[in-house]
């Protein structure tokens, strides 16, 4: 069995292709202790940002983001993009089942809440 993360945004499940890195492994460990609920705030008209309450391992690189990207900012904030930006982030994953327009509707109407839970799946 392998553990994987599942994400919801305002109660809507989204499919995320998670990166294979230390930050995602640490986030998975955090979520394995119980569902992690992260209140998010709109920022800049292109992203939602939420504090995790703990620092995760960083491997920041200059990144041009696009809608659907999920990144770690400053080691302790998760960011979900419904627009684009360029900054140094640690890449966490990418939402694969929503278009840019769907993400703008889901994330662009005000503050959001994401939940992260850990599930076990057969290899």
PDB file of N, CA and C in Angstrom:
ATOM      1  N   UNK A   1       0.845  -1.184   0.000  1.00  0.00           N
ATOM      2  CA  UNK A   1       0.000   0.000   0.000  1.00  0.00           C
ATOM      3  C   UNK A   1       0.889   1.246   0.000  1.00  0.00           C
ATOM      4  N   UNK A   2       0.427   2.256  -0.716  1.00  0.00           N
ATOM      5  CA  UNK A   2       1.120   3.540  -0.702  1.00  0.00           C
ATOM      6  C   UNK A   2       0.155   4.609  -0.218  1.00  0.00           C
ATOM      7  N   UNK A   3       0.699   5.598   0.472  1.00  0.00           N
ATOM      8  CA  UNK A   3      -0.120   6.713   0.941  1.00  0.00           C
ATOM      9  C   UNK A   3      -0.062   7.824  -0.094  1.00  0.00           C
ATOM     10  N   UNK A   4      -1.219   8.421  -0.337  1.00  0.00           N
ATOM     11  CA  UNK A   4      -1.283   9.535  -1.268  1.00  0.00           C
ATOM     12  C   UNK A   4      -2.206  10.608  -0.698  1.00  0.00           C
ATOM     13  N   UNK A   5      -2.003  11.823  -1.171  1.00  0.00           N
ATOM     14  CA  UNK A   5      -2.811  12.954  -0.731  1.00  0.00           C
ATOM     15  C   UNK A   5      -4.030  13.132  -1.612  1.00  0.00           C
ATOM     16  N   UNK A   6      -5.137  13.518  -0.994  1.00  0.00           N
ATOM     17  CA  UNK A   6      -6.327  13.938  -1.720  1.00  0.00           C
ATOM     18  C   UNK A   6      -6.635  15.365  -1.297  1.00  0.00           C
ATOM     19  N   UNK A   7      -7.085  16.180  -2.256  1.00  0.00           N
ATOM     20  CA  UNK A   7      -7.384  17.586  -1.995  1.00  0.00           C
ATOM     21  C   UNK A   7      -8.816  17.904  -2.359  1.00  0.00           C
ATOM     22  N   UNK A   8      -9.461  18.720  -1.506  1.00  0.00           N
ATOM     23  CA  UNK A   8     -10.733  19.327  -1.872  1.00  0.00           C
ATOM     24  C   UNK A   8     -10.579  20.837  -1.768  1.00  0.00           C
ATOM     25  N   UNK A   9     -11.325  21.539  -2.594  1.00  0.00           N
ATOM     26  CA  UNK A   9     -11.385  23.006  -2.554  1.00  0.00           C
ATOM     27  C   UNK A   9     -12.841  23.375  -2.357  1.00  0.00           C
ATOM     28  N   UNK A  10     -13.139  24.008  -1.225  1.00  0.00           N
ATOM     29  CA  UNK A  10     -14.523  24.355  -0.891  1.00  0.00           C
ATOM     30  C   UNK A  10     -15.453  23.155  -1.039  1.00  0.00           C
ATOM     31  N   UNK A  11     -14.962  21.968  -0.621  1.00  0.00           N
ATOM     32  CA  UNK A  11     -15.768  20.755  -0.664  1.00  0.00           C
ATOM     33  C   UNK A  11     -15.768  20.021  -1.989  1.00  0.00           C
ATOM     34  N   UNK A  12     -15.139  20.597  -3.014  1.00  0.00           N
ATOM     35  CA  UNK A  12     -15.066  19.958  -4.329  1.00  0.00           C
ATOM     36  C   UNK A  12     -13.755  19.193  -4.445  1.00  0.00           C
ATOM     37  N   UNK A  13     -13.845  17.881  -4.671  1.00  0.00           N
ATOM     38  CA  UNK A  13     -12.641  17.069  -4.844  1.00  0.00           C
ATOM     39  C   UNK A  13     -11.957  17.435  -6.153  1.00  0.00           C
ATOM     40  N   UNK A  14     -10.636  17.546  -6.109  1.00  0.00           N
ATOM     41  CA  UNK A  14      -9.847  17.797  -7.314  1.00  0.00           C
ATOM     42  C   UNK A  14      -8.757  16.738  -7.400  1.00  0.00           C
ATOM     43  N   UNK A  15      -8.412  16.371  -8.617  1.00  0.00           N
ATOM     44  CA  UNK A  15      -7.322  15.422  -8.841  1.00  0.00           C
ATOM     45  C   UNK A  15      -6.018  16.193  -8.946  1.00  0.00           C
ATOM     46  N   UNK A  16      -5.023  15.750  -8.184  1.00  0.00           N
ATOM     47  CA  UNK A  16      -3.727  16.422  -8.181  1.00  0.00           C
ATOM     48  C   UNK A  16      -2.650  15.401  -8.521  1.00  0.00           C
ATOM     49  N   UNK A  17      -1.807  15.746  -9.493  1.00  0.00           N
ATOM     50  CA  UNK A  17      -0.603  14.961  -9.774  1.00  0.00           C
ATOM     51  C   UNK A  17       0.484  15.532  -8.865  1.00  0.00           C
ATOM     52  N   UNK A  18       0.765  14.829  -7.765  1.00  0.00           N
ATOM     53  CA  UNK A  18       1.718  15.310  -6.769  1.00  0.00           C
ATOM     54  C   UNK A  18       3.144  15.050  -7.227  1.00  0.00           C
ATOM     55  N   UNK A  19       4.032  15.960  -6.891  1.00  0.00           N
ATOM     56  CA  UNK A  19       5.458  15.801  -7.164  1.00  0.00           C
ATOM     57  C   UNK A  19       6.036  14.732  -6.239  1.00  0.00           C
ATOM     58  N   UNK A  20       7.164  14.187  -6.620  1.00  0.00           N
ATOM     59  CA  UNK A  20       7.896  13.240  -5.785  1.00  0.00           C
ATOM     60  C   UNK A  20       9.068  14.005  -5.168  1.00  0.00           C
ATOM     61  N   UNK A  21       8.795  14.686  -4.044  1.00  0.00           N
ATOM     62  CA  UNK A  21       9.851  15.455  -3.392  1.00  0.00           C
ATOM     63  C   UNK A  21       9.643  15.453  -1.871  1.00  0.00           C
ATOM     64  N   UNK A  22      10.632  15.991  -1.158  1.00  0.00           N
ATOM     65  CA  UNK A  22      10.582  15.984   0.307  1.00  0.00           C
ATOM     66  C   UNK A  22       9.406  16.783   0.857  1.00  0.00           C
ATOM     67  N   UNK A  23       9.041  17.875   0.203  1.00  0.00           N
ATOM     68  CA  UNK A  23       7.934  18.708   0.672  1.00  0.00           C
ATOM     69  C   UNK A  23       6.618  17.935   0.607  1.00  0.00           C
ATOM     70  N   UNK A  24       6.372  17.222  -0.469  1.00  0.00           N
ATOM     71  CA  UNK A  24       5.128  16.441  -0.602  1.00  0.00           C
ATOM     72  C   UNK A  24       5.132  15.283   0.390  1.00  0.00           C
ATOM     73  N   UNK A  25       6.276  14.651   0.596  1.00  0.00           N
ATOM     74  CA  UNK A  25       6.348  13.581   1.594  1.00  0.00           C
ATOM     75  C   UNK A  25       6.023  14.130   2.991  1.00  0.00           C
ATOM     76  N   UNK A  26       6.548  15.302   3.328  1.00  0.00           N
ATOM     77  CA  UNK A  26       6.259  15.910   4.631  1.00  0.00           C
ATOM     78  C   UNK A  26       4.790  16.308   4.737  1.00  0.00           C
ATOM     79  N   UNK A  27       4.210  16.815   3.648  1.00  0.00           N
ATOM     80  CA  UNK A  27       2.798  17.182   3.640  1.00  0.00           C
ATOM     81  C   UNK A  27       1.924  15.940   3.807  1.00  0.00           C
ATOM     82  N   UNK A  28       2.316  14.843   3.194  1.00  0.00           N
ATOM     83  CA  UNK A  28       1.592  13.578   3.333  1.00  0.00           C
ATOM     84  C   UNK A  28       1.637  13.101   4.787  1.00  0.00           C
ATOM     85  N   UNK A  29       2.799  13.209   5.421  1.00  0.00           N
ATOM     86  CA  UNK A  29       2.925  12.838   6.840  1.00  0.00           C
ATOM     87  C   UNK A  29       2.011  13.696   7.704  1.00  0.00           C
ATOM     88  N   UNK A  30       1.982  14.993   7.414  1.00  0.00           N
ATOM     89  CA  UNK A  30       1.130  15.917   8.169  1.00  0.00           C
ATOM     90  C   UNK A  30      -0.341  15.525   8.031  1.00  0.00           C
ATOM     91  N   UNK A  31      -0.757  15.206   6.817  1.00  0.00           N
ATOM     92  CA  UNK A  31      -2.162  14.843   6.566  1.00  0.00           C
ATOM     93  C   UNK A  31      -2.497  13.449   7.081  1.00  0.00           C
ATOM     94  N   UNK A  32      -1.484  12.606   7.262  1.00  0.00           N
ATOM     95  CA  UNK A  32      -1.763  11.245   7.745  1.00  0.00           C
ATOM     96  C   UNK A  32      -2.180  11.246   9.213  1.00  0.00           C
ATOM     97  N   UNK A  33      -1.902  12.327   9.926  1.00  0.00           N
ATOM     98  CA  UNK A  33      -2.316  12.443  11.323  1.00  0.00           C
ATOM     99  C   UNK A  33      -3.788  12.845  11.440  1.00  0.00           C
ATOM    100  N   UNK A  34      -4.410  13.166  10.331  1.00  0.00           N
ATOM    101  CA  UNK A  34      -5.812  13.594  10.297  1.00  0.00           C
ATOM    102  C   UNK A  34      -5.980  14.639   9.214  1.00  0.00           C
ATOM    103  N   UNK A  35      -7.204  14.836   8.776  1.00  0.00           N
ATOM    104  CA  UNK A  35      -7.461  15.789   7.699  1.00  0.00           C
ATOM    105  C   UNK A  35      -6.909  17.155   8.065  1.00  0.00           C
ATOM    106  N   UNK A  36      -6.182  17.731   7.136  1.00  0.00           N
ATOM    107  CA  UNK A  36      -5.592  19.049   7.311  1.00  0.00           C
ATOM    108  C   UNK A  36      -6.490  20.061   6.603  1.00  0.00           C
ATOM    109  N   UNK A  37      -7.039  20.998   7.364  1.00  0.00           N
ATOM    110  CA  UNK A  37      -7.904  22.040   6.809  1.00  0.00           C
ATOM    111  C   UNK A  37      -7.124  23.343   6.772  1.00  0.00           C
ATOM    112  N   UNK A  38      -7.053  23.961   5.592  1.00  0.00           N
ATOM    113  CA  UNK A  38      -6.261  25.175   5.419  1.00  0.00           C
ATOM    114  C   UNK A  38      -7.160  26.299   4.905  1.00  0.00           C
ATOM    115  N   UNK A  39      -7.455  27.302   5.747  1.00  0.00           N
ATOM    116  CA  UNK A  39      -8.180  28.481   5.264  1.00  0.00           C
ATOM    117  C   UNK A  39      -7.283  29.250   4.299  1.00  0.00           C
ATOM    118  N   UNK A  40      -7.831  29.585   3.149  1.00  0.00           N
ATOM    119  CA  UNK A  40      -7.067  30.261   2.105  1.00  0.00           C
ATOM    120  C   UNK A  40      -7.574  31.692   1.946  1.00  0.00           C
ATOM    121  N   UNK A  41      -6.685  32.561   1.480  1.00  0.00           N
ATOM    122  CA  UNK A  41      -7.041  33.948   1.192  1.00  0.00           C
ATOM    123  C   UNK A  41      -6.637  34.279  -0.230  1.00  0.00           C
ATOM    124  N   UNK A  42      -7.506  35.026  -0.902  1.00  0.00           N
ATOM    125  CA  UNK A  42      -7.186  35.465  -2.261  1.00  0.00           C
ATOM    126  C   UNK A  42      -6.009  36.423  -2.209  1.00  0.00           C
ATOM    127  N   UNK A  43      -5.149  36.341  -3.222  1.00  0.00           N
ATOM    128  CA  UNK A  43      -4.019  37.245  -3.309  1.00  0.00           C
ATOM    129  C   UNK A  43      -3.761  37.561  -4.771  1.00  0.00           C
ATOM    130  N   UNK A  44      -3.712  38.832  -5.077  1.00  0.00           N
ATOM    131  CA  UNK A  44      -3.295  39.274  -6.400  1.00  0.00           C
ATOM    132  C   UNK A  44      -4.242  38.980  -7.544  1.00  0.00           C
ATOM    133  N   UNK A  45      -5.405  38.398  -7.270  1.00  0.00           N
ATOM    134  CA  UNK A  45      -6.338  38.082  -8.340  1.00  0.00           C
ATOM    135  C   UNK A  45      -5.930  36.887  -9.181  1.00  0.00           C
ATOM    136  N   UNK A  46      -4.961  36.081  -8.683  1.00  0.00           N
ATOM    137  CA  UNK A  46      -4.523  34.928  -9.460  1.00  0.00           C
ATOM    138  C   UNK A  46      -4.186  33.709  -8.610  1.00  0.00           C
ATOM    139  N   UNK A  47      -4.300  33.829  -7.268  1.00  0.00           N
ATOM    140  CA  UNK A  47      -3.937  32.709  -6.418  1.00  0.00           C
ATOM    141  C   UNK A  47      -4.676  32.766  -5.087  1.00  0.00           C
ATOM    142  N   UNK A  48      -4.723  31.607  -4.431  1.00  0.00           N
ATOM    143  CA  UNK A  48      -5.203  31.484  -3.055  1.00  0.00           C
ATOM    144  C   UNK A  48      -4.012  31.010  -2.225  1.00  0.00           C
ATOM    145  N   UNK A  49      -3.817  31.618  -1.056  1.00  0.00           N
ATOM    146  CA  UNK A  49      -2.673  31.317  -0.194  1.00  0.00           C
ATOM    147  C   UNK A  49      -3.180  30.959   1.195  1.00  0.00           C
ATOM    148  N   UNK A  50      -2.614  29.909   1.787  1.00  0.00           N
ATOM    149  CA  UNK A  50      -2.992  29.519   3.139  1.00  0.00           C
ATOM    150  C   UNK A  50      -1.793  29.049   3.941  1.00  0.00           C
ATOM    151  N   UNK A  51      -1.782  29.399   5.229  1.00  0.00           N
ATOM    152  CA  UNK A  51      -0.692  29.000   6.119  1.00  0.00           C
ATOM    153  C   UNK A  51      -0.908  27.581   6.614  1.00  0.00           C
ATOM    154  N   UNK A  52       0.156  26.779   6.554  1.00  0.00           N
ATOM    155  CA  UNK A  52       0.096  25.391   6.987  1.00  0.00           C
ATOM    156  C   UNK A  52       0.290  25.242   8.492  1.00  0.00           C
ATOM    157  N   UNK A  53       0.880  26.236   9.141  1.00  0.00           N
ATOM    158  CA  UNK A  53       1.123  26.156  10.572  1.00  0.00           C
ATOM    159  C   UNK A  53       2.417  25.460  10.931  1.00  0.00           C
ATOM    160  N   UNK A  54       3.159  25.019   9.937  1.00  0.00           N
ATOM    161  CA  UNK A  54       4.453  24.374  10.138  1.00  0.00           C
ATOM    162  C   UNK A  54       5.271  24.526   8.861  1.00  0.00           C
ATOM    163  N   UNK A  55       6.576  24.442   9.004  1.00  0.00           N
ATOM    164  CA  UNK A  55       7.461  24.557   7.836  1.00  0.00           C
ATOM    165  C   UNK A  55       7.704  23.180   7.226  1.00  0.00           C
ATOM    166  N   UNK A  56       7.712  23.146   5.904  1.00  0.00           N
ATOM    167  CA  UNK A  56       8.023  21.934   5.152  1.00  0.00           C
ATOM    168  C   UNK A  56       9.382  22.121   4.480  1.00  0.00           C
ATOM    169  N   UNK A  57      10.031  21.035   4.065  1.00  0.00           N
ATOM    170  CA  UNK A  57      11.310  21.158   3.362  1.00  0.00           C
ATOM    171  C   UNK A  57      11.153  21.965   2.073  1.00  0.00           C
ATOM    172  N   UNK A  58      12.103  22.861   1.837  1.00  0.00           N
ATOM    173  CA  UNK A  58      12.041  23.724   0.658  1.00  0.00           C
ATOM    174  C   UNK A  58      13.087  23.332  -0.369  1.00  0.00           C
ATOM    175  N   UNK A  59      12.705  23.487  -1.627  1.00  0.00           N
ATOM    176  CA  UNK A  59      13.628  23.340  -2.759  1.00  0.00           C
ATOM    177  C   UNK A  59      13.184  24.367  -3.797  1.00  0.00           C
ATOM    178  N   UNK A  60      13.206  25.646  -3.385  1.00  0.00           N
ATOM    179  CA  UNK A  60      12.673  26.718  -4.226  1.00  0.00           C
ATOM    180  C   UNK A  60      13.480  26.891  -5.512  1.00  0.00           C
ATOM    181  N   UNK A  61      12.750  27.051  -6.610  1.00  0.00           N
ATOM    182  CA  UNK A  61      13.340  27.409  -7.897  1.00  0.00           C
ATOM    183  C   UNK A  61      12.426  28.440  -8.547  1.00  0.00           C
ATOM    184  N   UNK A  62      13.014  29.315  -9.338  1.00  0.00           N
ATOM    185  CA  UNK A  62      12.222  30.303 -10.065  1.00  0.00           C
ATOM    186  C   UNK A  62      11.236  29.551 -10.962  1.00  0.00           C
ATOM    187  N   UNK A  63       9.959  29.886 -10.834  1.00  0.00           N
ATOM    188  CA  UNK A  63       8.898  29.134 -11.493  1.00  0.00           C
ATOM    189  C   UNK A  63       7.898  30.087 -12.124  1.00  0.00           C
ATOM    190  N   UNK A  64       7.525  29.810 -13.348  1.00  0.00           N
ATOM    191  CA  UNK A  64       6.399  30.500 -13.992  1.00  0.00           C
ATOM    192  C   UNK A  64       5.193  29.591 -13.806  1.00  0.00           C
ATOM    193  N   UNK A  65       4.238  30.030 -12.985  1.00  0.00           N
ATOM    194  CA  UNK A  65       3.083  29.188 -12.688  1.00  0.00           C
ATOM    195  C   UNK A  65       1.981  29.390 -13.713  1.00  0.00           C
ATOM    196  N   UNK A  66       1.033  28.464 -13.666  1.00  0.00           N
ATOM    197  CA  UNK A  66      -0.164  28.552 -14.514  1.00  0.00           C
ATOM    198  C   UNK A  66      -1.334  28.005 -13.713  1.00  0.00           C
ATOM    199  N   UNK A  67      -2.550  28.222 -14.184  1.00  0.00           N
ATOM    200  CA  UNK A  67      -3.707  27.730 -13.439  1.00  0.00           C
ATOM    201  C   UNK A  67      -3.593  26.236 -13.148  1.00  0.00           C
ATOM    202  N   UNK A  68      -3.860  25.883 -11.885  1.00  0.00           N
ATOM    203  CA  UNK A  68      -3.791  24.490 -11.456  1.00  0.00           C
ATOM    204  C   UNK A  68      -2.534  24.132 -10.702  1.00  0.00           C
ATOM    205  N   UNK A  69      -1.515  24.981 -10.762  1.00  0.00           N
ATOM    206  CA  UNK A  69      -0.288  24.678 -10.033  1.00  0.00           C
ATOM    207  C   UNK A  69      -0.511  24.814  -8.530  1.00  0.00           C
ATOM    208  N   UNK A  70       0.080  23.878  -7.778  1.00  0.00           N
ATOM    209  CA  UNK A  70       0.045  23.884  -6.311  1.00  0.00           C
ATOM    210  C   UNK A  70       1.504  23.946  -5.864  1.00  0.00           C
ATOM    211  N   UNK A  71       1.841  24.988  -5.098  1.00  0.00           N
ATOM    212  CA  UNK A  71       3.233  25.199  -4.717  1.00  0.00           C
ATOM    213  C   UNK A  71       3.340  25.517  -3.233  1.00  0.00           C
ATOM    214  N   UNK A  72       4.562  25.436  -2.735  1.00  0.00           N
ATOM    215  CA  UNK A  72       4.905  25.833  -1.373  1.00  0.00           C
ATOM    216  C   UNK A  72       5.620  27.177  -1.458  1.00  0.00           C
ATOM    217  N   UNK A  73       5.165  28.136  -0.668  1.00  0.00           N
ATOM    218  CA  UNK A  73       5.763  29.472  -0.640  1.00  0.00           C
ATOM    219  C   UNK A  73       6.319  29.731   0.749  1.00  0.00           C
ATOM    220  N   UNK A  74       7.539  30.193   0.833  1.00  0.00           N
ATOM    221  CA  UNK A  74       8.209  30.517   2.105  1.00  0.00           C
ATOM    222  C   UNK A  74       8.263  29.343   3.065  1.00  0.00           C
ATOM    223  N   UNK A  75       8.102  28.140   2.573  1.00  0.00           N
ATOM    224  CA  UNK A  75       8.240  26.950   3.391  1.00  0.00           C
ATOM    225  C   UNK A  75       7.030  26.582   4.228  1.00  0.00           C
ATOM    226  N   UNK A  76       6.116  27.557   4.473  1.00  0.00           N
ATOM    227  CA  UNK A  76       4.999  27.273   5.374  1.00  0.00           C
ATOM    228  C   UNK A  76       3.635  27.689   4.831  1.00  0.00           C
ATOM    229  N   UNK A  77       3.570  28.002   3.542  1.00  0.00           N
ATOM    230  CA  UNK A  77       2.294  28.395   2.934  1.00  0.00           C
ATOM    231  C   UNK A  77       2.056  27.580   1.664  1.00  0.00           C
ATOM    232  N   UNK A  78       0.822  27.105   1.539  1.00  0.00           N
ATOM    233  CA  UNK A  78       0.443  26.408   0.311  1.00  0.00           C
ATOM    234  C   UNK A  78      -0.281  27.415  -0.578  1.00  0.00           C
ATOM    235  N   UNK A  79       0.012  27.363  -1.869  1.00  0.00           N
ATOM    236  CA  UNK A  79      -0.584  28.284  -2.838  1.00  0.00           C
ATOM    237  C   UNK A  79      -1.202  27.466  -3.957  1.00  0.00           C
ATOM    238  N   UNK A  80      -2.441  27.811  -4.310  1.00  0.00           N
ATOM    239  CA  UNK A  80      -3.122  27.176  -5.440  1.00  0.00           C
ATOM    240  C   UNK A  80      -3.436  28.286  -6.444  1.00  0.00           C
ATOM    241  N   UNK A  81      -2.979  28.104  -7.672  1.00  0.00           N
ATOM    242  CA  UNK A  81      -3.118  29.141  -8.700  1.00  0.00           C
ATOM    243  C   UNK A  81      -4.340  28.921  -9.575  1.00  0.00           C
ATOM    244  N   UNK A  82      -5.036  30.020  -9.848  1.00  0.00           N
ATOM    245  CA  UNK A  82      -6.076  30.031 -10.883  1.00  0.00           C
ATOM    246  C   UNK A  82      -5.712  31.041 -11.960  1.00  0.00           C
ATOM    247  N   UNK A  83      -4.531  31.615 -11.844  1.00  0.00           N
ATOM    248  CA  UNK A  83      -3.928  32.506 -12.832  1.00  0.00           C
ATOM    249  C   UNK A  83      -2.451  32.181 -12.909  1.00  0.00           C
ATOM    250  N   UNK A  84      -1.655  33.163 -13.285  1.00  0.00           N
ATOM    251  CA  UNK A  84      -0.223  32.928 -13.469  1.00  0.00           C
ATOM    252  C   UNK A  84       0.602  33.909 -12.660  1.00  0.00           C
ATOM    253  N   UNK A  85       1.814  33.481 -12.339  1.00  0.00           N
ATOM    254  CA  UNK A  85       2.767  34.318 -11.618  1.00  0.00           C
ATOM    255  C   UNK A  85       4.156  33.731 -11.836  1.00  0.00           C
ATOM    256  N   UNK A  86       5.165  34.498 -11.476  1.00  0.00           N
ATOM    257  CA  UNK A  86       6.532  34.016 -11.540  1.00  0.00           C
ATOM    258  C   UNK A  86       7.228  34.387 -10.240  1.00  0.00           C
ATOM    259  N   UNK A  87       7.762  33.364  -9.566  1.00  0.00           N
ATOM    260  CA  UNK A  87       8.422  33.565  -8.276  1.00  0.00           C
ATOM    261  C   UNK A  87       9.210  32.304  -7.961  1.00  0.00           C
ATOM    262  N   UNK A  88       9.959  32.314  -6.872  1.00  0.00           N
ATOM    263  CA  UNK A  88      10.686  31.119  -6.431  1.00  0.00           C
ATOM    264  C   UNK A  88       9.797  30.318  -5.484  1.00  0.00           C
ATOM    265  N   UNK A  89       9.412  29.131  -5.917  1.00  0.00           N
ATOM    266  CA  UNK A  89       8.536  28.244  -5.164  1.00  0.00           C
ATOM    267  C   UNK A  89       9.122  26.839  -5.129  1.00  0.00           C
ATOM    268  N   UNK A  90       8.583  26.026  -4.221  1.00  0.00           N
ATOM    269  CA  UNK A  90       8.801  24.585  -4.252  1.00  0.00           C
ATOM    270  C   UNK A  90       7.538  23.980  -4.843  1.00  0.00           C
ATOM    271  N   UNK A  91       7.684  23.292  -5.946  1.00  0.00           N
ATOM    272  CA  UNK A  91       6.525  22.709  -6.619  1.00  0.00           C
ATOM    273  C   UNK A  91       5.995  21.526  -5.817  1.00  0.00           C
ATOM    274  N   UNK A  92       4.669  21.523  -5.573  1.00  0.00           N
ATOM    275  CA  UNK A  92       4.016  20.426  -4.867  1.00  0.00           C
ATOM    276  C   UNK A  92       3.228  19.536  -5.815  1.00  0.00           C
ATOM    277  N   UNK A  93       2.552  20.132  -6.791  1.00  0.00           N
ATOM    278  CA  UNK A  93       1.744  19.339  -7.707  1.00  0.00           C
ATOM    279  C   UNK A  93       0.974  20.207  -8.668  1.00  0.00           C
ATOM    280  N   UNK A  94       0.071  19.548  -9.390  1.00  0.00           N
ATOM    281  CA  UNK A  94      -0.737  20.241 -10.394  1.00  0.00           C
ATOM    282  C   UNK A  94      -2.120  19.610 -10.424  1.00  0.00           C
ATOM    283  N   UNK A  95      -3.156  20.451 -10.363  1.00  0.00           N
ATOM    284  CA  UNK A  95      -4.540  19.986 -10.491  1.00  0.00           C
ATOM    285  C   UNK A  95      -4.752  19.599 -11.945  1.00  0.00           C
ATOM    286  N   UNK A  96      -5.199  18.365 -12.168  1.00  0.00           N
ATOM    287  CA  UNK A  96      -5.254  17.829 -13.527  1.00  0.00           C
ATOM    288  C   UNK A  96      -6.655  17.704 -14.107  1.00  0.00           C
ATOM    289  N   UNK A  97      -7.691  17.896 -13.276  1.00  0.00           N
ATOM    290  CA  UNK A  97      -9.047  17.631 -13.774  1.00  0.00           C
ATOM    291  C   UNK A  97      -9.912  18.887 -13.879  1.00  0.00           C
ATOM    292  N   UNK A  98      -9.307  20.056 -13.833  1.00  0.00           N
ATOM    293  CA  UNK A  98     -10.063  21.310 -13.955  1.00  0.00           C
ATOM    294  C   UNK A  98      -9.385  22.212 -14.980  1.00  0.00           C
ATOM    295  N   UNK A  99     -10.207  22.879 -15.781  1.00  0.00           N
ATOM    296  CA  UNK A  99      -9.684  23.859 -16.733  1.00  0.00           C
ATOM    297  C   UNK A  99      -9.367  25.160 -15.985  1.00  0.00           C
ATOM    298  N   UNK A 100      -8.674  26.054 -16.650  1.00  0.00           N
ATOM    299  CA  UNK A 100      -8.404  27.362 -16.067  1.00  0.00           C
ATOM    300  C   UNK A 100      -9.677  28.097 -15.703  1.00  0.00           C
ATOM    301  N   UNK A 101     -10.693  27.986 -16.540  1.00  0.00           N
ATOM    302  CA  UNK A 101     -11.972  28.639 -16.268  1.00  0.00           C
ATOM    303  C   UNK A 101     -12.660  28.029 -15.049  1.00  0.00           C
ATOM    304  N   UNK A 102     -12.618  26.706 -14.946  1.00  0.00           N
ATOM    305  CA  UNK A 102     -13.213  26.037 -13.788  1.00  0.00           C
ATOM    306  C   UNK A 102     -12.484  26.417 -12.503  1.00  0.00           C
ATOM    307  N   UNK A 103     -11.159  26.521 -12.566  1.00  0.00           N
ATOM    308  CA  UNK A 103     -10.390  26.923 -11.391  1.00  0.00           C
ATOM    309  C   UNK A 103     -10.687  28.362 -10.993  1.00  0.00           C
ATOM    310  N   UNK A 104     -10.854  29.239 -11.984  1.00  0.00           N
ATOM    311  CA  UNK A 104     -11.196  30.630 -11.682  1.00  0.00           C
ATOM    312  C   UNK A 104     -12.545  30.709 -10.974  1.00  0.00           C
ATOM    313  N   UNK A 105     -13.507  29.894 -11.398  1.00  0.00           N
ATOM    314  CA  UNK A 105     -14.807  29.869 -10.727  1.00  0.00           C
ATOM    315  C   UNK A 105     -14.694  29.302  -9.313  1.00  0.00           C
ATOM    316  N   UNK A 106     -13.895  28.269  -9.158  1.00  0.00           N
ATOM    317  CA  UNK A 106     -13.745  27.601  -7.868  1.00  0.00           C
ATOM    318  C   UNK A 106     -12.956  28.449  -6.866  1.00  0.00           C
ATOM    319  N   UNK A 107     -11.958  29.177  -7.354  1.00  0.00           N
ATOM    320  CA  UNK A 107     -11.042  29.892  -6.467  1.00  0.00           C
ATOM    321  C   UNK A 107     -11.148  31.413  -6.506  1.00  0.00           C
ATOM    322  N   UNK A 108     -11.720  31.961  -7.550  1.00  0.00           N
ATOM    323  CA  UNK A 108     -11.666  33.399  -7.746  1.00  0.00           C
ATOM    324  C   UNK A 108     -12.797  34.207  -7.150  1.00  0.00           C
ATOM    325  N   UNK A 109     -13.745  33.567  -6.456  1.00  0.00           N
ATOM    326  CA  UNK A 109     -14.911  34.289  -5.963  1.00  0.00           C
ATOM    327  C   UNK A 109     -14.828  34.735  -4.518  1.00  0.00           C
ATOM    328  N   UNK A 110     -13.707  34.576  -3.889  1.00  0.00           N
ATOM    329  CA  UNK A 110     -13.553  34.929  -2.477  1.00  0.00           C
ATOM    330  C   UNK A 110     -12.652  33.917  -1.802  1.00  0.00           C
ATOM    331  N   UNK A 111     -12.444  34.105  -0.515  1.00  0.00           N
ATOM    332  CA  UNK A 111     -11.575  33.194   0.207  1.00  0.00           C
ATOM    333  C   UNK A 111     -12.107  31.765   0.112  1.00  0.00           C
ATOM    334  N   UNK A 112     -11.186  30.802   0.209  1.00  0.00           N
ATOM    335  CA  UNK A 112     -11.532  29.389   0.040  1.00  0.00           C
ATOM    336  C   UNK A 112     -11.000  28.581   1.218  1.00  0.00           C
ATOM    337  N   UNK A 113     -11.410  27.327   1.270  1.00  0.00           N
ATOM    338  CA  UNK A 113     -10.876  26.376   2.237  1.00  0.00           C
ATOM    339  C   UNK A 113     -10.455  25.137   1.466  1.00  0.00           C
ATOM    340  N   UNK A 114      -9.217  24.711   1.679  1.00  0.00           N
ATOM    341  CA  UNK A 114      -8.801  23.434   1.103  1.00  0.00           C
ATOM    342  C   UNK A 114      -8.619  22.435   2.232  1.00  0.00           C
ATOM    343  N   UNK A 115      -8.872  21.185   1.912  1.00  0.00           N
ATOM    344  CA  UNK A 115      -8.579  20.110   2.845  1.00  0.00           C
ATOM    345  C   UNK A 115      -7.638  19.137   2.153  1.00  0.00           C
ATOM    346  N   UNK A 116      -6.737  18.608   2.944  1.00  0.00           N
ATOM    347  CA  UNK A 116      -5.814  17.588   2.475  1.00  0.00           C
ATOM    348  C   UNK A 116      -5.975  16.385   3.384  1.00  0.00           C
ATOM    349  N   UNK A 117      -6.207  15.243   2.791  1.00  0.00           N
ATOM    350  CA  UNK A 117      -6.315  14.011   3.568  1.00  0.00           C
ATOM    351  C   UNK A 117      -5.419  12.969   2.923  1.00  0.00           C
ATOM    352  N   UNK A 118      -5.036  12.009   3.741  1.00  0.00           N
ATOM    353  CA  UNK A 118      -4.141  10.956   3.287  1.00  0.00           C
ATOM    354  C   UNK A 118      -4.946   9.665   3.160  1.00  0.00           C
ATOM    355  N   UNK A 119      -4.788   9.004   2.026  1.00  0.00           N
ATOM    356  CA  UNK A 119      -5.460   7.723   1.802  1.00  0.00           C
ATOM    357  C   UNK A 119      -4.425   6.693   1.390  1.00  0.00           C
ATOM    358  N   UNK A 120      -4.746   5.451   1.649  1.00  0.00           N
ATOM    359  CA  UNK A 120      -3.859   4.361   1.242  1.00  0.00           C
ATOM    360  C   UNK A 120      -4.439   3.697   0.001  1.00  0.00           C
ATOM    361  N   UNK A 121      -3.565   3.464  -0.967  1.00  0.00           N
ATOM    362  CA  UNK A 121      -3.977   2.824  -2.215  1.00  0.00           C
ATOM    363  C   UNK A 121      -3.044   1.658  -2.493  1.00  0.00           C
ATOM    364  N   UNK A 122      -3.572   0.664  -3.203  1.00  0.00           N
ATOM    365  CA  UNK A 122      -2.729  -0.457  -3.622  1.00  0.00           C
ATOM    366  C   UNK A 122      -1.732   0.033  -4.659  1.00  0.00           C
ATOM    367  N   UNK A 123      -0.542  -0.528  -4.606  1.00  0.00           N
ATOM    368  CA  UNK A 123       0.488  -0.138  -5.587  1.00  0.00           C
ATOM    369  C   UNK A 123       0.205  -0.701  -6.940  1.00  0.00           C
TER     370      UNK A 123
END
